[in-house]
């Protein structure tokens, strides 16, 4: 007899094929907290596979009040920073019978609201918002309102960013990491710094610039505003900002790019100008993205455990308590000195 087509099989038929009760089949397939023995679970799963059974997500949502879907919303999936965070979330979700869906705002903050509205309509269990908050964001109020609606409906929202939303948040210590990097660069003998600052309204970029300035100040050095150049948080943004910086008459000996992809673009700009890194100019970044393994010279940076960041956010989803004060988890970076900087004699 030909197997039935996917979606036409009922749970009762799966239970009958496996020789178990309807309740046991339901618990085996739907992630119930009640224990089902391994032998029974395998019989049910084998029966479901043989019948091409697909659970009805809408029916499950009606029964549980929500689906077992967690939405992850990032700002730019092409950025290795966010893809590493996504890998951490998805790795942590393994074994928890949770499906992680991925959406990208393309760095348009209003899209976060759209994704939250869609997740609520689909009865998603939770949404993780990964990305910097924006100063003066006109969408911030709408986002806060939608977060409140989503959580009042029984969902959970976790943020990976600054502590700007009334939700559990994984906070990356951007200021501290940049401050520590400045101290290490000064210890190498660098004294005249430029900064590729990223977009000023982006709080992550701003925090890193402020932290770097603070680190220099602790060693009696000033950061000249004339050599702080904004740019997009991308490889091309770093390239263009570095071109602007190099066009200004200066005697800089080191440049800090507020993220690694900007630093990669800055390296390309230096090569076009015939400048050696680090022979003519030291260069440092922030994040320690995985693609740096293919960059020469190897980039001095602040290493962030990005997969751990994602896993920590997912852990907050799993352990979300009922109506308590939002929790904060702080993640520190570590300065890693590599070939793009050298000891200045």
Protein backbone atom coordinates (compact mmCIF):
# COMPACT_ATOMS: atom_id res chain seq x y z
CA UNK A 1 0.00 0.00 0.00
CA UNK A 2 1.39 3.41 -0.91
CA UNK A 3 2.27 5.64 2.00
CA UNK A 4 -0.07 8.56 2.66
CA UNK A 5 1.00 12.03 1.59
CA UNK A 6 2.58 14.41 4.10
CA UNK A 7 -0.03 16.35 6.05
CA UNK A 8 -2.87 13.84 5.47
CA UNK A 9 -1.94 11.55 8.36
CA UNK A 10 -3.45 12.03 11.80
CA UNK A 11 -1.74 11.59 15.13
CA UNK A 12 -4.20 8.79 15.91
CA UNK A 13 -2.91 6.85 12.89
CA UNK A 14 0.68 7.30 14.08
CA UNK A 15 -0.30 6.01 17.52
CA UNK A 16 -2.01 3.00 15.97
CA UNK A 17 1.00 2.20 13.76
CA UNK A 18 3.32 2.43 16.80
CA UNK A 19 0.96 0.48 19.05
CA UNK A 20 0.81 3.18 21.73
CA UNK A 21 -1.87 5.42 23.17
CA UNK A 22 -2.74 8.73 21.57
CA UNK A 23 -1.38 10.55 24.65
CA UNK A 24 1.97 8.74 24.43
CA UNK A 25 2.29 9.54 20.73
CA UNK A 26 1.52 13.18 21.44
CA UNK A 27 4.12 13.41 24.22
CA UNK A 28 6.76 11.70 22.08
CA UNK A 29 6.29 14.05 19.15
CA UNK A 30 5.37 17.36 20.74
CA UNK A 31 8.13 17.92 23.28
CA UNK A 32 6.08 17.25 26.40
CA UNK A 33 7.84 17.60 29.75
CA UNK A 34 6.36 14.23 30.79
CA UNK A 35 8.85 11.41 30.32
CA UNK A 36 8.44 8.98 27.45
CA UNK A 37 10.71 5.94 27.42
CA UNK A 38 13.36 5.82 24.71
CA UNK A 39 11.94 2.62 23.20
CA UNK A 40 8.43 4.06 22.97
CA UNK A 41 9.70 7.37 21.63
CA UNK A 42 11.65 5.59 18.90
CA UNK A 43 8.62 3.49 17.94
CA UNK A 44 6.51 6.61 17.61
CA UNK A 45 9.17 8.45 15.60
CA UNK A 46 9.62 5.44 13.31
CA UNK A 47 5.86 5.26 12.75
CA UNK A 48 5.70 8.99 12.03
CA UNK A 49 8.51 8.70 9.49
CA UNK A 50 6.96 5.71 7.76
CA UNK A 51 3.64 7.57 7.43
CA UNK A 52 5.21 10.89 6.43
CA UNK A 53 3.45 12.47 9.42
CA UNK A 54 3.89 16.23 9.88
CA UNK A 55 2.62 17.80 13.12
CA UNK A 56 0.06 20.55 12.72
CA UNK A 57 1.82 23.63 14.05
CA UNK A 58 -1.40 25.62 14.35
CA UNK A 59 -3.04 22.86 16.38
CA UNK A 60 0.00 22.63 18.64
CA UNK A 61 -0.06 26.39 19.14
CA UNK A 62 -3.73 26.25 20.09
CA UNK A 63 -3.03 23.49 22.59
CA UNK A 64 0.04 25.05 24.17
CA UNK A 65 -0.74 28.73 23.59
CA UNK A 66 2.42 29.07 21.49
CA UNK A 67 4.64 27.19 19.07
CA UNK A 68 8.13 25.93 19.81
CA UNK A 69 9.60 28.54 17.45
CA UNK A 70 12.18 31.12 18.54
CA UNK A 71 12.79 34.00 16.18
CA UNK A 72 16.28 35.49 15.90
CA UNK A 73 16.38 38.98 14.37
CA UNK A 74 19.79 40.37 13.39
CA UNK A 75 20.82 43.57 11.67
CA UNK A 76 22.91 42.11 8.84
CA UNK A 77 23.28 38.38 8.24
CA UNK A 78 26.17 39.07 5.83
CA UNK A 79 28.20 40.44 8.76
CA UNK A 80 30.25 37.62 10.38
CA UNK A 81 29.53 39.22 13.78
CA UNK A 82 25.85 38.33 13.46
CA UNK A 83 26.35 34.98 11.76
CA UNK A 84 28.55 33.91 14.70
CA UNK A 85 25.86 34.97 17.16
CA UNK A 86 23.31 33.03 15.10
CA UNK A 87 25.51 29.93 15.24
CA UNK A 88 25.60 30.24 19.02
CA UNK A 89 21.82 30.51 19.28
CA UNK A 90 21.21 27.56 16.99
CA UNK A 91 23.85 25.43 18.67
CA UNK A 92 22.29 26.07 22.07
CA UNK A 93 18.83 25.21 20.70
CA UNK A 94 19.95 21.72 19.66
CA UNK A 95 18.34 19.08 21.81
CA UNK A 96 15.56 21.36 23.10
CA UNK A 97 13.05 20.63 20.30
CA UNK A 98 13.06 24.31 19.39
CA UNK A 99 13.09 25.64 15.83
CA UNK A 100 15.10 28.84 15.35
CA UNK A 101 14.04 31.11 12.50
CA UNK A 102 16.30 33.90 11.26
CA UNK A 103 15.40 37.36 10.01
CA UNK A 104 17.56 40.31 8.99
CA UNK A 105 16.53 43.96 9.31
CA UNK A 106 19.18 45.08 6.78
CA UNK A 107 20.06 47.69 9.44
CA UNK A 108 16.57 49.25 9.27
CA UNK A 109 15.38 49.49 12.84
CA UNK A 110 11.69 49.67 11.93
CA UNK A 111 11.92 46.08 10.68
CA UNK A 112 12.36 44.83 14.25
CA UNK A 113 8.78 45.89 14.95
CA UNK A 114 7.60 44.08 11.80
CA UNK A 115 9.32 40.87 12.85
CA UNK A 116 7.85 41.04 16.36
CA UNK A 117 4.35 41.56 14.98
CA UNK A 118 4.81 38.57 12.65
CA UNK A 119 6.18 36.41 15.49
CA UNK A 120 3.18 37.26 17.66
CA UNK A 121 0.81 36.37 14.83
CA UNK A 122 2.58 33.01 14.47
CA UNK A 123 2.50 32.44 18.25
CA UNK A 124 6.27 32.14 18.48
CA UNK A 125 7.61 31.21 21.87
CA UNK A 126 10.27 33.94 21.90
CA UNK A 127 12.19 36.49 19.85
CA UNK A 128 15.87 37.37 20.27
CA UNK A 129 16.76 40.86 19.00
CA UNK A 130 20.48 41.05 18.20
CA UNK A 131 21.94 44.42 17.33
CA UNK A 132 22.85 47.84 18.61
CA UNK A 133 20.22 50.28 19.76
CA UNK A 134 20.12 53.57 17.85
CA UNK A 135 20.21 56.98 19.57
CA UNK A 136 17.15 59.02 18.70
CA UNK A 137 15.47 56.06 17.00
CA UNK A 138 11.95 57.13 16.02
CA UNK A 139 10.88 53.47 16.09
CA UNK A 140 12.00 52.90 19.69
CA UNK A 141 8.62 53.70 21.22
CA UNK A 142 6.79 51.44 18.77
CA UNK A 143 9.27 48.65 19.50
CA UNK A 144 8.79 48.97 23.27
CA UNK A 145 5.03 48.86 22.79
CA UNK A 146 5.22 45.75 20.62
CA UNK A 147 7.58 44.06 23.10
CA UNK A 148 5.04 44.67 25.85
CA UNK A 149 2.20 43.26 23.74
CA UNK A 150 4.26 40.20 22.77
CA UNK A 151 5.21 39.42 26.37
CA UNK A 152 1.68 40.05 27.66
CA UNK A 153 0.56 37.42 25.16
CA UNK A 154 2.90 34.91 26.81
CA UNK A 155 6.01 35.29 24.65
CA UNK A 156 9.55 36.15 25.70
CA UNK A 157 11.85 38.80 24.23
CA UNK A 158 15.60 38.78 24.81
CA UNK A 159 17.95 41.49 23.52
CA UNK A 160 21.64 41.35 22.62
CA UNK A 161 22.55 45.01 22.82
CA UNK A 162 22.59 47.93 25.22
CA UNK A 163 20.18 47.85 28.15
CA UNK A 164 17.54 49.99 26.41
CA UNK A 165 14.52 47.66 26.42
CA UNK A 166 12.65 46.32 29.49
CA UNK A 167 13.63 42.71 28.69
CA UNK A 168 16.35 40.22 29.56
CA UNK A 169 19.50 41.52 27.87
CA UNK A 170 22.95 40.21 26.98
CA UNK A 171 25.18 43.28 27.27
CA UNK A 172 28.57 43.29 25.55
CA UNK A 173 31.15 45.35 27.43
CA UNK A 174 32.08 47.54 24.46
CA UNK A 175 33.46 50.48 26.42
CA UNK A 176 35.60 48.31 28.64
CA UNK A 177 37.02 46.36 25.71
CA UNK A 178 37.92 49.50 23.77
CA UNK A 179 39.45 51.08 26.87
CA UNK A 180 41.63 48.02 27.44
CA UNK A 181 42.68 48.00 23.78
CA UNK A 182 43.77 51.65 24.00
CA UNK A 183 45.92 50.82 27.01
CA UNK A 184 47.62 47.93 25.23
CA UNK A 185 48.34 50.06 22.15
CA UNK A 186 49.84 52.81 24.28
CA UNK A 187 51.99 50.19 26.00
CA UNK A 188 53.35 49.22 22.57
CA UNK A 189 54.52 52.82 22.12
CA UNK A 190 51.78 54.28 19.89
CA UNK A 191 50.90 57.90 20.63
CA UNK A 192 49.05 59.45 17.67
CA UNK A 193 45.73 57.77 17.02
CA UNK A 194 42.98 57.95 14.47
CA UNK A 195 39.60 56.24 14.79
CA UNK A 196 37.21 54.86 12.18
CA UNK A 197 34.16 55.50 14.27
CA UNK A 198 31.18 53.89 12.58
CA UNK A 199 27.79 55.64 12.50
CA UNK A 200 27.49 58.01 15.46
CA UNK A 201 23.82 57.24 16.26
CA UNK A 202 24.70 53.56 16.70
CA UNK A 203 25.32 53.07 20.41
CA UNK A 204 27.74 50.18 19.92
CA UNK A 205 29.98 52.33 17.74
CA UNK A 206 29.65 55.30 20.11
CA UNK A 207 30.47 53.19 23.17
CA UNK A 208 33.61 51.84 21.54
CA UNK A 209 34.82 55.31 20.58
CA UNK A 210 34.14 56.65 24.08
CA UNK A 211 35.87 53.67 25.66
CA UNK A 212 38.92 54.12 23.45
CA UNK A 213 39.07 57.84 24.25
CA UNK A 214 38.82 57.05 27.94
CA UNK A 215 41.63 54.50 27.67
CA UNK A 216 43.91 57.05 26.03
CA UNK A 217 43.00 59.65 28.65
CA UNK A 218 44.09 57.29 31.42
CA UNK A 219 47.56 57.47 29.88
CA UNK A 220 47.56 61.23 29.44
CA UNK A 221 46.76 61.19 25.72
CA UNK A 222 44.00 63.03 23.86
CA UNK A 223 42.03 61.81 20.85
CA UNK A 224 41.86 64.65 18.34
CA UNK A 225 38.26 64.92 17.01
CA UNK A 226 39.72 65.82 13.59
CA UNK A 227 40.95 62.23 13.30
CA UNK A 228 37.71 60.53 14.31
CA UNK A 229 35.97 59.67 11.03
CA UNK A 230 32.46 58.18 10.89
CA UNK A 231 31.52 55.53 8.36
CA UNK A 232 29.18 52.65 7.69
CA UNK A 233 29.65 49.56 9.90
CA UNK A 234 30.84 47.59 6.85
CA UNK A 235 33.98 46.72 4.91
CA UNK A 236 33.26 49.48 2.38
CA UNK A 237 32.50 51.90 5.21
CA UNK A 238 35.92 51.21 6.68
CA UNK A 239 37.60 51.60 3.31
CA UNK A 240 35.97 54.97 2.66
CA UNK A 241 36.56 56.26 6.19
CA UNK A 242 40.23 55.26 5.97
CA UNK A 243 40.59 57.04 2.64
CA UNK A 244 39.17 60.17 4.27
CA UNK A 245 41.50 59.86 7.25
CA UNK A 246 44.59 59.31 5.12
CA UNK A 247 43.71 62.35 2.98
CA UNK A 248 44.09 64.57 6.04
CA UNK A 249 47.59 65.77 6.67
CA UNK A 250 48.66 64.04 9.85
CA UNK A 251 51.37 61.95 11.46
CA UNK A 252 49.20 59.19 12.86
CA UNK A 253 50.96 56.04 13.92
CA UNK A 254 47.92 53.84 14.72
CA UNK A 255 44.26 53.59 13.68
CA UNK A 256 41.46 51.91 15.60
CA UNK A 257 38.46 50.69 13.59
CA UNK A 258 35.44 50.12 15.82
CA UNK A 259 34.73 46.76 14.22
CA UNK A 260 36.76 44.20 12.32
CA UNK A 261 34.99 44.45 8.97
CA UNK A 262 35.78 48.18 8.91
CA UNK A 263 39.39 47.31 9.72
CA UNK A 264 39.53 44.94 6.73
CA UNK A 265 38.38 47.77 4.48
CA UNK A 266 40.95 50.07 6.09
CA UNK A 267 43.72 47.58 5.24
CA UNK A 268 42.70 47.71 1.59
CA UNK A 269 42.84 51.51 1.64
CA UNK A 270 46.34 51.39 3.13
CA UNK A 271 47.53 48.99 0.41
CA UNK A 272 46.22 51.32 -2.29
CA UNK A 273 48.18 54.18 -0.72
CA UNK A 274 51.34 52.09 -0.58
CA UNK A 275 51.32 52.06 3.21
CA UNK A 276 52.63 49.07 5.13
CA UNK A 277 50.67 47.71 8.09
CA UNK A 278 52.23 47.74 10.65
CA UNK A 279 55.46 49.18 9.22
CA UNK A 280 53.99 52.60 8.44
CA UNK A 281 50.80 52.44 10.46
CA UNK A 282 49.41 50.21 13.18
CA UNK A 283 45.80 49.00 12.80
CA UNK A 284 43.38 47.45 15.27
CA UNK A 285 39.75 46.33 15.19
CA UNK A 286 37.08 44.95 17.49
CA UNK A 287 35.09 41.63 17.60
CA UNK A 288 37.60 38.98 16.38
CA UNK A 289 35.29 37.67 13.66
CA UNK A 290 36.14 34.25 12.21
CA UNK A 291 37.11 35.59 8.76
CA UNK A 292 40.13 37.31 10.31
CA UNK A 293 41.97 34.00 10.00
CA UNK A 294 42.38 34.80 6.28
CA UNK A 295 43.53 38.41 6.76
CA UNK A 296 47.19 39.38 6.46
CA UNK A 297 48.72 40.82 8.48
CA UNK A 298 46.76 39.20 11.31
CA UNK A 299 44.62 41.86 12.98
CA UNK A 300 45.00 43.12 16.53
CA UNK A 301 41.49 43.22 17.98
CA UNK A 302 39.21 42.73 20.97
CA UNK A 303 38.00 39.14 20.98
CA UNK A 304 34.34 38.65 21.79
CA UNK A 305 32.99 35.12 22.41
CA UNK A 306 30.21 35.68 19.88
CA UNK A 307 28.84 32.14 19.88
CA UNK A 308 28.71 32.32 23.68
CA UNK A 309 26.76 35.57 23.33
CA UNK A 310 24.15 33.77 21.23
CA UNK A 311 24.04 30.77 23.54
CA UNK A 312 23.59 33.03 26.57
CA UNK A 313 20.63 34.74 24.91
CA UNK A 314 19.02 31.37 24.21
CA UNK A 315 19.60 30.27 27.80
CA UNK A 316 17.69 33.37 28.92
CA UNK A 317 14.81 32.27 26.70
CA UNK A 318 14.75 28.79 28.22
CA UNK A 319 14.94 30.04 31.79
CA UNK A 320 12.56 32.97 31.40
CA UNK A 321 10.72 33.38 34.73
CA UNK A 322 7.17 34.63 35.18
CA UNK A 323 6.92 38.41 35.47
CA UNK A 324 10.16 39.28 37.23
CA UNK A 325 12.61 42.13 36.88
CA UNK A 326 14.53 41.87 33.58
CA UNK A 327 17.87 40.09 33.92
CA UNK A 328 21.24 41.21 32.55
CA UNK A 329 24.16 39.03 31.44
CA UNK A 330 27.42 40.85 30.73
CA UNK A 331 30.01 39.54 28.27
CA UNK A 332 33.57 40.89 28.38
CA UNK A 333 36.07 41.03 25.54
CA UNK A 334 39.77 40.18 25.54
CA UNK A 335 42.50 42.17 23.79
CA UNK A 336 44.44 40.06 21.29
CA UNK A 337 47.67 41.59 19.95
CA UNK A 338 48.64 40.37 16.48
CA UNK A 339 50.85 41.36 13.55
CA UNK A 340 48.93 44.49 12.50
CA UNK A 341 50.48 46.33 15.45
CA UNK A 342 54.08 46.27 16.62
CA UNK A 343 56.24 47.60 19.42
CA UNK A 344 57.28 51.14 18.54
CA UNK A 345 60.84 52.01 19.51
